[in-house]
């Protein structure tokens, strides 16, 4: 029997141990482009052990709920930002590190217009759009060496809405 993880709305405070919530909350930093654009400056802390930042596009198939969470992964050499290229929220699953193993997973759902940045080494689920299209701009480390660790659960979790 699977343990159930209930999805909660994401907030900057709840997500802070795992990464940055990227959105336009708070006051903008400055007006740019001849007064036609406001800038919300430096909203994520990109962190790479070596290599460089790269920008890729991921096109993920939407998933339905409840979701069977069989595996989590992490990237020890660099942070990873997911920026949706549509006006849909998406599912974010994270866990604290318990001695090179993921702890109890938590599930968050973003709102339209929000993006996230996982801190380097944060255990997380795979990319889970809940609506089509599932197109994301992803900023992460490009470099040599292994930057992916996976953990497969003996008993999968079930992720669902309350």
C-alpha atoms as a PDB file:
ATOM      1  CA  UNK A   1       0.000   0.000   0.000  1.00  0.00           C
ATOM      2  CA  UNK A   2       1.335   3.417  -0.982  1.00  0.00           C
ATOM      3  CA  UNK A   3       1.811   6.281   1.422  1.00  0.00           C
ATOM      4  CA  UNK A   4      -0.194   9.329   0.293  1.00  0.00           C
ATOM      5  CA  UNK A   5       1.370  12.741  -0.272  1.00  0.00           C
ATOM      6  CA  UNK A   6      -1.155  15.575  -0.503  1.00  0.00           C
ATOM      7  CA  UNK A   7      -0.347  18.467  -2.800  1.00  0.00           C
ATOM      8  CA  UNK A   8      -0.184  21.895  -1.182  1.00  0.00           C
ATOM      9  CA  UNK A   9      -0.028  25.345  -2.779  1.00  0.00           C
ATOM     10  CA  UNK A  10       3.530  26.537  -3.162  1.00  0.00           C
ATOM     11  CA  UNK A  11       4.854  29.519  -1.201  1.00  0.00           C
ATOM     12  CA  UNK A  12       8.301  31.075  -1.047  1.00  0.00           C
ATOM     13  CA  UNK A  13       8.560  30.266   2.662  1.00  0.00           C
ATOM     14  CA  UNK A  14       7.555  26.598   2.364  1.00  0.00           C
ATOM     15  CA  UNK A  15       9.805  26.042  -0.676  1.00  0.00           C
ATOM     16  CA  UNK A  16      12.855  27.950   0.703  1.00  0.00           C
ATOM     17  CA  UNK A  17      14.698  24.826   2.055  1.00  0.00           C
ATOM     18  CA  UNK A  18      14.618  23.331  -1.459  1.00  0.00           C
ATOM     19  CA  UNK A  19      15.088  26.331  -3.737  1.00  0.00           C
ATOM     20  CA  UNK A  20      13.690  29.610  -4.958  1.00  0.00           C
ATOM     21  CA  UNK A  21      10.105  30.400  -5.940  1.00  0.00           C
ATOM     22  CA  UNK A  22      10.410  32.690  -8.954  1.00  0.00           C
ATOM     23  CA  UNK A  23       7.508  35.095  -9.422  1.00  0.00           C
ATOM     24  CA  UNK A  24       6.580  38.775  -9.466  1.00  0.00           C
ATOM     25  CA  UNK A  25       5.542  39.089  -5.831  1.00  0.00           C
ATOM     26  CA  UNK A  26       6.695  42.174  -3.979  1.00  0.00           C
ATOM     27  CA  UNK A  27       7.684  45.498  -5.430  1.00  0.00           C
ATOM     28  CA  UNK A  28       9.570  45.564  -8.730  1.00  0.00           C
ATOM     29  CA  UNK A  29      13.202  46.630  -8.563  1.00  0.00           C
ATOM     30  CA  UNK A  30      13.135  49.212 -11.314  1.00  0.00           C
ATOM     31  CA  UNK A  31      11.455  50.488 -14.439  1.00  0.00           C
ATOM     32  CA  UNK A  32      13.241  49.729 -17.732  1.00  0.00           C
ATOM     33  CA  UNK A  33      12.646  49.867 -21.505  1.00  0.00           C
ATOM     34  CA  UNK A  34      11.587  53.505 -21.615  1.00  0.00           C
ATOM     35  CA  UNK A  35       9.050  52.949 -18.836  1.00  0.00           C
ATOM     36  CA  UNK A  36       7.197  50.073 -20.511  1.00  0.00           C
ATOM     37  CA  UNK A  37       8.619  47.226 -18.418  1.00  0.00           C
ATOM     38  CA  UNK A  38       9.298  46.611 -14.742  1.00  0.00           C
ATOM     39  CA  UNK A  39      12.220  44.434 -13.696  1.00  0.00           C
ATOM     40  CA  UNK A  40      12.015  41.928 -10.846  1.00  0.00           C
ATOM     41  CA  UNK A  41      15.745  41.482 -10.382  1.00  0.00           C
ATOM     42  CA  UNK A  42      17.806  38.433  -9.342  1.00  0.00           C
ATOM     43  CA  UNK A  43      14.949  36.121  -8.306  1.00  0.00           C
ATOM     44  CA  UNK A  44      16.985  32.863  -8.181  1.00  0.00           C
ATOM     45  CA  UNK A  45      20.402  31.890  -6.888  1.00  0.00           C
ATOM     46  CA  UNK A  46      21.994  29.830  -9.655  1.00  0.00           C
ATOM     47  CA  UNK A  47      24.833  27.735  -8.194  1.00  0.00           C
ATOM     48  CA  UNK A  48      27.291  25.560 -10.135  1.00  0.00           C
ATOM     49  CA  UNK A  49      30.330  23.692  -8.821  1.00  0.00           C
ATOM     50  CA  UNK A  50      31.985  24.033 -12.232  1.00  0.00           C
ATOM     51  CA  UNK A  51      30.918  24.210 -15.844  1.00  0.00           C
ATOM     52  CA  UNK A  52      28.572  26.942 -17.019  1.00  0.00           C
ATOM     53  CA  UNK A  53      24.907  27.859 -17.079  1.00  0.00           C
ATOM     54  CA  UNK A  54      23.002  26.523 -20.054  1.00  0.00           C
ATOM     55  CA  UNK A  55      19.481  27.161 -21.308  1.00  0.00           C
ATOM     56  CA  UNK A  56      17.560  24.147 -22.629  1.00  0.00           C
ATOM     57  CA  UNK A  57      13.940  23.504 -23.578  1.00  0.00           C
ATOM     58  CA  UNK A  58      12.070  20.538 -22.084  1.00  0.00           C
ATOM     59  CA  UNK A  59       8.767  19.390 -23.600  1.00  0.00           C
ATOM     60  CA  UNK A  60       7.159  17.057 -21.035  1.00  0.00           C
ATOM     61  CA  UNK A  61       3.952  15.077 -21.397  1.00  0.00           C
ATOM     62  CA  UNK A  62       1.225  16.208 -18.976  1.00  0.00           C
ATOM     63  CA  UNK A  63       0.445  13.764 -16.167  1.00  0.00           C
ATOM     64  CA  UNK A  64      -2.786  13.056 -14.362  1.00  0.00           C
ATOM     65  CA  UNK A  65      -3.463  12.678 -10.660  1.00  0.00           C
ATOM     66  CA  UNK A  66      -3.095  10.684  -8.566  1.00  0.00           C
ATOM     67  CA  UNK A  67       0.568  10.351  -9.541  1.00  0.00           C
ATOM     68  CA  UNK A  68       2.679   7.326  -8.653  1.00  0.00           C
ATOM     69  CA  UNK A  69       6.022   8.662  -7.326  1.00  0.00           C
ATOM     70  CA  UNK A  70       8.527   5.881  -7.892  1.00  0.00           C
ATOM     71  CA  UNK A  71      11.766   7.830  -8.030  1.00  0.00           C
ATOM     72  CA  UNK A  72      13.477  11.075  -7.077  1.00  0.00           C
ATOM     73  CA  UNK A  73      16.680  12.608  -8.410  1.00  0.00           C
ATOM     74  CA  UNK A  74      19.159  15.323  -7.568  1.00  0.00           C
ATOM     75  CA  UNK A  75      21.961  17.234  -9.226  1.00  0.00           C
ATOM     76  CA  UNK A  76      24.967  17.627  -6.891  1.00  0.00           C
ATOM     77  CA  UNK A  77      26.945  19.869  -9.244  1.00  0.00           C
ATOM     78  CA  UNK A  78      24.380  22.549 -10.025  1.00  0.00           C
ATOM     79  CA  UNK A  79      21.057  24.218  -9.375  1.00  0.00           C
ATOM     80  CA  UNK A  80      18.232  23.752 -11.859  1.00  0.00           C
ATOM     81  CA  UNK A  81      15.522  26.298 -12.746  1.00  0.00           C
ATOM     82  CA  UNK A  82      12.224  25.356 -14.433  1.00  0.00           C
ATOM     83  CA  UNK A  83      10.406  28.187 -16.187  1.00  0.00           C
ATOM     84  CA  UNK A  84       7.062  27.223 -17.773  1.00  0.00           C
ATOM     85  CA  UNK A  85       6.449  28.656 -21.222  1.00  0.00           C
ATOM     86  CA  UNK A  86       2.671  28.524 -20.790  1.00  0.00           C
ATOM     87  CA  UNK A  87       0.135  29.948 -18.355  1.00  0.00           C
ATOM     88  CA  UNK A  88      -0.281  26.750 -16.359  1.00  0.00           C
ATOM     89  CA  UNK A  89       0.913  25.694 -12.949  1.00  0.00           C
ATOM     90  CA  UNK A  90       2.842  22.459 -12.503  1.00  0.00           C
ATOM     91  CA  UNK A  91       3.599  19.893  -9.818  1.00  0.00           C
ATOM     92  CA  UNK A  92       6.845  20.180  -7.831  1.00  0.00           C
ATOM     93  CA  UNK A  93       7.947  17.299  -5.583  1.00  0.00           C
ATOM     94  CA  UNK A  94      10.917  17.744  -3.225  1.00  0.00           C
ATOM     95  CA  UNK A  95      12.537  16.102  -0.204  1.00  0.00           C
ATOM     96  CA  UNK A  96      15.274  16.952   2.252  1.00  0.00           C
ATOM     97  CA  UNK A  97      18.496  14.939   2.108  1.00  0.00           C
ATOM     98  CA  UNK A  98      18.881  12.247   4.766  1.00  0.00           C
ATOM     99  CA  UNK A  99      22.441  11.043   4.299  1.00  0.00           C
ATOM    100  CA  UNK A 100      22.373  10.669   0.493  1.00  0.00           C
ATOM    101  CA  UNK A 101      18.762   9.461   0.484  1.00  0.00           C
ATOM    102  CA  UNK A 102      15.595  11.536   0.042  1.00  0.00           C
ATOM    103  CA  UNK A 103      13.518  12.114   3.163  1.00  0.00           C
ATOM    104  CA  UNK A 104       9.719  12.307   3.229  1.00  0.00           C
ATOM    105  CA  UNK A 105       8.607  13.884  -0.073  1.00  0.00           C
ATOM    106  CA  UNK A 106       6.521  17.057  -0.174  1.00  0.00           C
ATOM    107  CA  UNK A 107       4.365  18.055  -3.143  1.00  0.00           C
ATOM    108  CA  UNK A 108       3.589  21.628  -4.210  1.00  0.00           C
ATOM    109  CA  UNK A 109       1.523  23.019  -7.056  1.00  0.00           C
ATOM    110  CA  UNK A 110       2.627  26.287  -8.615  1.00  0.00           C
ATOM    111  CA  UNK A 111       0.289  28.988  -9.848  1.00  0.00           C
ATOM    112  CA  UNK A 112       0.334  30.309 -13.417  1.00  0.00           C
ATOM    113  CA  UNK A 113       3.230  32.742 -13.803  1.00  0.00           C
ATOM    114  CA  UNK A 114       5.454  31.041 -11.192  1.00  0.00           C
ATOM    115  CA  UNK A 115       8.721  29.222 -11.839  1.00  0.00           C
ATOM    116  CA  UNK A 116      11.102  27.409  -9.487  1.00  0.00           C
ATOM    117  CA  UNK A 117      14.828  26.927  -9.007  1.00  0.00           C
ATOM    118  CA  UNK A 118      16.053  23.833  -7.160  1.00  0.00           C
ATOM    119  CA  UNK A 119      19.111  24.423  -4.986  1.00  0.00           C
ATOM    120  CA  UNK A 120      22.137  22.344  -5.892  1.00  0.00           C
ATOM    121  CA  UNK A 121      21.768  18.830  -4.437  1.00  0.00           C
ATOM    122  CA  UNK A 122      18.000  19.050  -3.738  1.00  0.00           C
ATOM    123  CA  UNK A 123      16.099  15.784  -4.128  1.00  0.00           C
ATOM    124  CA  UNK A 124      13.176  16.337  -6.501  1.00  0.00           C
ATOM    125  CA  UNK A 125      10.664  14.480  -8.610  1.00  0.00           C
ATOM    126  CA  UNK A 126      10.697  14.559 -12.384  1.00  0.00           C
ATOM    127  CA  UNK A 127       9.074  17.369 -14.363  1.00  0.00           C
ATOM    128  CA  UNK A 128       5.283  17.034 -13.970  1.00  0.00           C
ATOM    129  CA  UNK A 129       3.096  19.415 -15.963  1.00  0.00           C
ATOM    130  CA  UNK A 130      -0.578  18.869 -15.171  1.00  0.00           C
ATOM    131  CA  UNK A 131      -1.814  20.596 -18.358  1.00  0.00           C
ATOM    132  CA  UNK A 132      -0.678  20.777 -21.955  1.00  0.00           C
ATOM    133  CA  UNK A 133       1.546  22.193 -23.248  1.00  0.00           C
ATOM    134  CA  UNK A 134       4.372  21.010 -21.011  1.00  0.00           C
ATOM    135  CA  UNK A 135       7.056  23.273 -22.500  1.00  0.00           C
ATOM    136  CA  UNK A 136       9.667  24.647 -20.075  1.00  0.00           C
ATOM    137  CA  UNK A 137      12.836  26.695 -20.354  1.00  0.00           C
ATOM    138  CA  UNK A 138      15.400  25.076 -18.048  1.00  0.00           C
ATOM    139  CA  UNK A 139      18.558  26.773 -16.784  1.00  0.00           C
ATOM    140  CA  UNK A 140      21.066  24.291 -15.382  1.00  0.00           C
ATOM    141  CA  UNK A 141      24.710  23.253 -15.337  1.00  0.00           C
ATOM    142  CA  UNK A 142      26.436  22.278 -18.548  1.00  0.00           C
ATOM    143  CA  UNK A 143      29.752  20.563 -17.859  1.00  0.00           C
ATOM    144  CA  UNK A 144      31.633  17.315 -17.694  1.00  0.00           C
ATOM    145  CA  UNK A 145      31.208  14.676 -15.014  1.00  0.00           C
ATOM    146  CA  UNK A 146      28.193  13.041 -13.427  1.00  0.00           C
ATOM    147  CA  UNK A 147      25.509  15.431 -12.210  1.00  0.00           C
ATOM    148  CA  UNK A 148      22.588  13.071 -11.698  1.00  0.00           C
ATOM    149  CA  UNK A 149      21.802  10.801  -8.773  1.00  0.00           C
ATOM    150  CA  UNK A 150      18.578   8.779  -8.666  1.00  0.00           C
ATOM    151  CA  UNK A 151      16.802   7.014  -5.832  1.00  0.00           C
ATOM    152  CA  UNK A 152      14.045   4.460  -6.573  1.00  0.00           C
ATOM    153  CA  UNK A 153      11.568   3.805  -3.759  1.00  0.00           C
ATOM    154  CA  UNK A 154      10.818   0.208  -2.782  1.00  0.00           C
ATOM    155  CA  UNK A 155       7.182   1.217  -2.314  1.00  0.00           C
ATOM    156  CA  UNK A 156       5.996   4.124  -4.510  1.00  0.00           C
ATOM    157  CA  UNK A 157       4.163   7.087  -3.004  1.00  0.00           C
ATOM    158  CA  UNK A 158       0.799   8.308  -4.257  1.00  0.00           C
ATOM    159  CA  UNK A 159       0.631  12.069  -4.874  1.00  0.00           C
ATOM    160  CA  UNK A 160      -2.846  13.590  -4.996  1.00  0.00           C
ATOM    161  CA  UNK A 161      -4.864  16.667  -4.208  1.00  0.00           C
ATOM    162  CA  UNK A 162      -6.435  16.839  -0.738  1.00  0.00           C
END
